[in-house]
Amino acid sequence: MTPRPVIVTRPEREAAQWVDDLRAAGLDAVALPLIVIAPVADAEPLREAWRRLDRYAALMFVSATAVENFFQHETPGMTAGRRFWATGPGTTRALLRAGVPPEQIDAPPPEATRFDSEALWERVHGQVTAGVRVLIVRGGDESGQPAGRDWLAREIDAAGGQRDTVVAYRRLPPSLDVVQLRIATDGAQGRAIWLFSSSEAIGNLQRAMPGTDWQAARAVATHARIGEAARAAGFGALRVCTPLRDALVASIESLA
């Protein structure tokens, strides 16, 4: 077992589950959310999306948080006959909790080597032909503007489909308190191992601790793009793996 605690950087509610899972695997883990989830200032676009849901052949959700915030405004009876796209198992579970039948959900298989838009598109690209309309449900920045990768949206365009976007929640940078700064300092000095599942979290950490030298820091990233962001930030030791527990534990222990 690694003597270094693992710093879980996901948003607060998700971080708690990851901490529990890592502790169950015998690792010491602590939550340090580097992305704060906040509701949108105006929920009318979400309600309008539900009212017009029958125009969409499929809905794509970037995360479990997108599912949860979107379904808070659900219009009953509108999910029948539509496909629901999920980038990974957490998003799939959120759709199931929301009442979406499993046979209407498309996602990379649980044993997939990666969970991202590319893996999802491999499963669903055959659904998109000229004129097919897809709704992308995602997070936004502090002002409520869509934020994140547009790769899948561009693929829909290239296939002749039509797509709309609705922002279901906002992603804000954290304000670290004294205890959290102490945890982050331990991570910067290599006394803990960072677990990153978002490049945005790395950017927020850099802004929260300007001028910090990350050369002594050790990190596990759940996607190659996130690993690239960690390298660019100067993290000295890095592992990239899938966000499945066994793979995470093995990568974390390799940095011990």
Protein backbone atom coordinates (compact mmCIF):
# COMPACT_ATOMS: atom_id res chain seq x y z
CA MET A 1 0.00 0.00 0.00
CA THR A 2 1.29 3.46 -0.86
CA PRO A 3 2.36 5.54 2.17
CA ARG A 4 1.31 8.67 0.29
CA PRO A 5 -2.34 9.74 0.37
CA VAL A 6 -4.15 10.11 -2.95
CA ILE A 7 -5.62 13.54 -3.66
CA VAL A 8 -8.92 13.13 -5.52
CA THR A 9 -9.64 16.30 -7.50
CA ARG A 10 -13.11 15.61 -8.94
CA PRO A 11 -16.11 17.81 -8.01
CA GLU A 12 -17.24 17.34 -4.44
CA ARG A 13 -19.99 14.73 -4.72
CA GLU A 14 -18.09 12.61 -7.25
CA ALA A 15 -14.88 12.94 -5.23
CA ALA A 16 -16.54 11.42 -2.18
CA GLN A 17 -17.40 8.23 -4.09
CA TRP A 18 -13.90 7.97 -5.55
CA VAL A 19 -12.37 8.44 -2.08
CA ASP A 20 -14.58 5.64 -0.73
CA ASP A 21 -13.63 3.33 -3.61
CA LEU A 22 -9.91 3.94 -3.16
CA ARG A 23 -10.11 3.45 0.60
CA ALA A 24 -11.96 0.17 0.00
CA ALA A 25 -8.98 -0.86 -2.14
CA GLY A 26 -6.64 -0.20 0.79
CA LEU A 27 -5.36 3.24 -0.21
CA ASP A 28 -5.37 6.42 1.82
CA ALA A 29 -7.38 9.05 -0.07
CA VAL A 30 -8.60 12.58 0.51
CA ALA A 31 -10.88 14.84 -1.51
CA LEU A 32 -9.64 18.16 -2.85
CA PRO A 33 -12.26 19.25 -5.42
CA LEU A 34 -10.68 21.50 -8.04
CA ILE A 35 -13.94 22.13 -9.92
CA VAL A 36 -17.00 23.57 -8.19
CA ILE A 37 -20.38 22.62 -9.66
CA ALA A 38 -23.03 25.36 -9.58
CA PRO A 39 -26.51 25.60 -11.09
CA VAL A 40 -27.15 27.73 -14.15
CA ALA A 41 -28.43 31.23 -13.46
CA ASP A 42 -31.37 30.76 -15.83
CA ALA A 43 -33.00 27.32 -16.10
CA GLU A 44 -35.44 28.33 -18.85
CA PRO A 45 -33.22 26.91 -21.67
CA LEU A 46 -33.30 23.55 -19.89
CA ARG A 47 -37.07 23.61 -19.56
CA GLU A 48 -37.35 24.65 -23.21
CA ALA A 49 -35.11 21.76 -24.25
CA TRP A 50 -37.47 19.35 -22.52
CA ARG A 51 -40.49 20.91 -24.19
CA ARG A 52 -38.85 20.40 -27.60
CA LEU A 53 -37.27 17.04 -26.90
CA ASP A 54 -39.27 15.29 -29.61
CA ARG A 55 -37.16 17.01 -32.28
CA TYR A 56 -34.03 15.10 -31.20
CA ALA A 57 -33.09 11.58 -32.24
CA ALA A 58 -30.41 11.43 -29.54
CA LEU A 59 -29.16 13.28 -26.47
CA MET A 60 -25.46 13.26 -25.63
CA PHE A 61 -24.39 13.78 -21.99
CA VAL A 62 -20.82 14.75 -21.17
CA SER A 63 -21.01 13.57 -17.55
CA ALA A 64 -23.20 12.24 -14.76
CA THR A 65 -23.52 15.83 -13.52
CA ALA A 66 -25.02 16.82 -16.89
CA VAL A 67 -27.59 14.04 -16.54
CA GLU A 68 -28.56 14.96 -13.00
CA ASN A 69 -28.97 18.66 -13.68
CA PHE A 70 -30.82 18.12 -16.96
CA PHE A 71 -33.33 15.68 -15.46
CA GLN A 72 -34.19 18.10 -12.66
CA HIS A 73 -36.37 19.81 -15.27
CA GLU A 74 -37.81 16.68 -16.83
CA THR A 75 -41.09 16.72 -18.70
CA PRO A 76 -42.63 13.26 -18.10
CA GLY A 77 -43.18 11.03 -21.08
CA MET A 78 -40.60 12.70 -23.34
CA THR A 79 -37.79 10.12 -23.20
CA ALA A 80 -39.49 7.40 -25.26
CA GLY A 81 -38.06 6.72 -28.70
CA ARG A 82 -34.81 8.59 -28.18
CA ARG A 83 -31.21 7.44 -27.83
CA PHE A 84 -29.16 8.57 -24.83
CA TRP A 85 -25.40 8.76 -25.32
CA ALA A 86 -23.00 8.43 -22.38
CA THR A 87 -19.22 8.80 -22.43
CA GLY A 88 -18.60 6.40 -19.55
CA PRO A 89 -20.01 4.15 -16.84
CA GLY A 90 -20.69 6.97 -14.38
CA THR A 91 -22.84 8.79 -16.92
CA THR A 92 -24.59 5.53 -17.79
CA ARG A 93 -25.42 4.93 -14.13
CA ALA A 94 -26.83 8.45 -13.83
CA LEU A 95 -29.08 7.85 -16.85
CA LEU A 96 -30.32 4.60 -15.32
CA ARG A 97 -31.05 6.37 -12.02
CA ALA A 98 -33.00 8.98 -13.98
CA GLY A 99 -35.22 6.24 -15.35
CA VAL A 100 -33.83 5.86 -18.87
CA PRO A 101 -34.27 2.22 -20.01
CA PRO A 102 -30.90 0.50 -20.53
CA GLU A 103 -31.82 -0.47 -24.08
CA GLN A 104 -31.97 3.25 -25.01
CA ILE A 105 -28.43 4.02 -23.76
CA ASP A 106 -25.32 3.96 -25.94
CA ALA A 107 -21.88 4.02 -24.28
CA PRO A 108 -18.42 2.50 -24.56
CA PRO A 109 -18.44 -1.00 -23.03
CA PRO A 110 -17.41 -1.30 -19.36
CA GLU A 111 -14.16 -3.01 -20.36
CA ALA A 112 -13.18 -0.20 -22.75
CA THR A 113 -9.63 1.11 -22.56
CA ARG A 114 -10.88 4.70 -22.60
CA PHE A 115 -14.07 6.63 -21.88
CA ASP A 116 -14.29 9.75 -24.02
CA SER A 117 -16.06 11.30 -26.99
CA GLU A 118 -13.96 9.31 -29.46
CA ALA A 119 -14.90 5.98 -27.87
CA LEU A 120 -18.55 7.02 -27.75
CA TRP A 121 -18.57 8.12 -31.40
CA GLU A 122 -17.31 4.69 -32.44
CA ARG A 123 -20.55 3.30 -30.96
CA VAL A 124 -23.04 5.88 -32.25
CA HIS A 125 -21.78 7.34 -35.52
CA GLY A 126 -24.11 5.09 -37.49
CA GLN A 127 -27.10 6.86 -35.91
CA VAL A 128 -26.19 10.21 -37.47
CA THR A 129 -27.16 10.85 -41.07
CA ALA A 130 -28.18 14.01 -42.93
CA GLY A 131 -30.74 15.97 -40.96
CA VAL A 132 -30.59 13.88 -37.76
CA ARG A 133 -30.65 16.25 -34.79
CA VAL A 134 -28.69 15.66 -31.58
CA LEU A 135 -28.84 17.62 -28.31
CA ILE A 136 -25.55 17.93 -26.43
CA VAL A 137 -26.02 18.44 -22.68
CA ARG A 138 -22.90 19.85 -21.06
CA GLY A 139 -21.42 22.18 -18.49
CA GLY A 140 -20.64 25.85 -18.89
CA ASP A 141 -18.22 28.43 -17.58
CA GLU A 142 -18.93 31.00 -14.88
CA SER A 143 -21.05 33.07 -17.26
CA GLY A 144 -23.04 30.02 -18.38
CA GLN A 145 -21.44 29.73 -21.82
CA PRO A 146 -20.73 26.19 -23.09
CA ALA A 147 -17.28 24.99 -22.01
CA GLY A 148 -15.31 21.91 -22.97
CA ARG A 149 -14.24 19.98 -26.03
CA ASP A 150 -16.18 20.33 -29.29
CA TRP A 151 -14.75 17.23 -30.95
CA LEU A 152 -17.97 15.21 -31.03
CA ALA A 153 -20.00 18.23 -32.15
CA ARG A 154 -17.70 18.59 -35.14
CA GLU A 155 -18.11 14.90 -35.98
CA ILE A 156 -21.88 15.31 -35.97
CA ASP A 157 -21.52 18.26 -38.32
CA ALA A 158 -19.22 16.30 -40.64
CA ALA A 159 -21.75 13.43 -40.78
CA GLY A 160 -24.45 15.85 -41.94
CA GLY A 161 -26.29 15.88 -38.63
CA GLN A 162 -27.62 18.89 -36.78
CA ARG A 163 -26.82 19.59 -33.18
CA ASP A 164 -27.87 21.94 -30.44
CA THR A 165 -26.25 22.52 -27.07
CA VAL A 166 -27.79 23.23 -23.69
CA VAL A 167 -25.81 24.12 -20.57
CA ALA A 168 -27.08 22.14 -17.57
CA TYR A 169 -24.66 23.43 -14.91
CA ARG A 170 -21.65 25.69 -14.42
CA ARG A 171 -18.08 24.67 -13.62
CA LEU A 172 -16.33 27.18 -11.34
CA PRO A 173 -12.76 27.38 -10.01
CA PRO A 174 -12.36 26.58 -6.30
CA SER A 175 -11.34 28.88 -3.49
CA LEU A 176 -8.96 26.80 -1.37
CA ASP A 177 -9.04 27.20 2.40
CA VAL A 178 -6.09 26.74 4.75
CA VAL A 179 -6.59 22.97 5.12
CA GLN A 180 -6.98 22.49 1.38
CA LEU A 181 -3.87 24.55 0.67
CA ARG A 182 -1.93 22.33 3.07
CA ILE A 183 -3.12 19.24 1.17
CA ALA A 184 -2.19 20.87 -2.13
CA THR A 185 1.25 21.78 -0.78
CA ASP A 186 1.82 18.17 0.24
CA GLY A 187 0.92 17.17 -3.30
CA ALA A 188 3.23 19.75 -4.83
CA GLN A 189 6.13 18.50 -2.72
CA GLY A 190 5.53 14.84 -3.54
CA ARG A 191 4.12 13.81 -0.17
CA ALA A 192 0.83 12.84 -1.83
CA ILE A 193 -0.25 11.56 -5.24
CA TRP A 194 -2.61 13.60 -7.39
CA LEU A 195 -5.49 11.91 -9.22
CA PHE A 196 -6.70 14.01 -12.15
CA SER A 197 -9.73 13.25 -14.33
CA SER A 198 -9.90 16.70 -15.93
CA SER A 199 -7.42 19.04 -17.59
CA GLU A 200 -9.53 21.90 -16.25
CA ALA A 201 -8.73 20.78 -12.70
CA ILE A 202 -5.01 21.09 -13.43
CA GLY A 203 -5.51 24.61 -14.78
CA ASN A 204 -7.55 25.57 -11.71
CA LEU A 205 -4.82 24.19 -9.43
CA GLN A 206 -2.17 26.26 -11.19
CA ARG A 207 -4.30 29.39 -10.81
CA ALA A 208 -4.93 28.65 -7.13
CA MET A 209 -1.18 28.20 -6.48
CA PRO A 210 0.64 30.54 -8.86
CA GLY A 211 4.40 30.17 -9.07
CA THR A 212 4.42 26.65 -7.59
CA ASP A 213 7.13 24.28 -8.82
CA TRP A 214 5.45 20.95 -9.64
CA GLN A 215 8.60 19.00 -10.47
CA ALA A 216 8.41 16.95 -7.26
CA ALA A 217 4.70 16.23 -7.74
CA ARG A 218 3.39 12.78 -8.69
CA ALA A 219 0.12 12.35 -10.58
CA VAL A 220 -2.19 9.80 -12.15
CA ALA A 221 -4.30 11.02 -15.08
CA THR A 222 -7.32 9.18 -16.47
CA HIS A 223 -6.80 10.23 -20.09
CA ALA A 224 -3.87 10.99 -22.36
CA ARG A 225 -5.03 14.60 -22.85
CA ILE A 226 -5.06 15.11 -19.09
CA GLY A 227 -1.60 13.61 -18.88
CA GLU A 228 -0.40 16.10 -21.48
CA ALA A 229 -1.79 18.95 -19.37
CA ALA A 230 0.01 17.61 -16.30
CA ARG A 231 3.29 17.38 -18.21
CA ALA A 232 2.85 20.91 -19.52
CA ALA A 233 2.29 22.10 -15.93
CA GLY A 234 5.61 20.53 -14.93
CA PHE A 235 4.53 17.45 -12.94
CA GLY A 236 7.64 15.35 -12.47
CA ALA A 237 6.17 11.82 -12.29
CA LEU A 238 3.06 10.78 -14.19
CA ARG A 239 1.00 7.69 -15.00
CA VAL A 240 -1.93 7.60 -17.45
CA CYS A 241 -4.59 4.91 -17.10
CA THR A 242 -8.31 4.25 -17.51
CA PRO A 243 -10.65 5.45 -14.73
CA LEU A 244 -11.37 1.88 -13.58
CA ARG A 245 -10.51 1.05 -10.00
CA ASP A 246 -8.00 -1.75 -10.58
CA ALA A 247 -6.11 0.30 -13.16
CA LEU A 248 -6.11 3.34 -10.90
CA VAL A 249 -4.85 1.38 -7.91
CA ALA A 250 -2.05 -0.19 -9.95
CA SER A 251 -0.97 3.20 -11.33
CA ILE A 252 -1.09 4.85 -7.91
CA GLU A 253 0.95 2.06 -6.33
CA SER A 254 3.53 2.34 -9.12
CA LEU A 255 4.21 5.91 -7.94
CA ALA A 256 4.65 4.91 -4.30
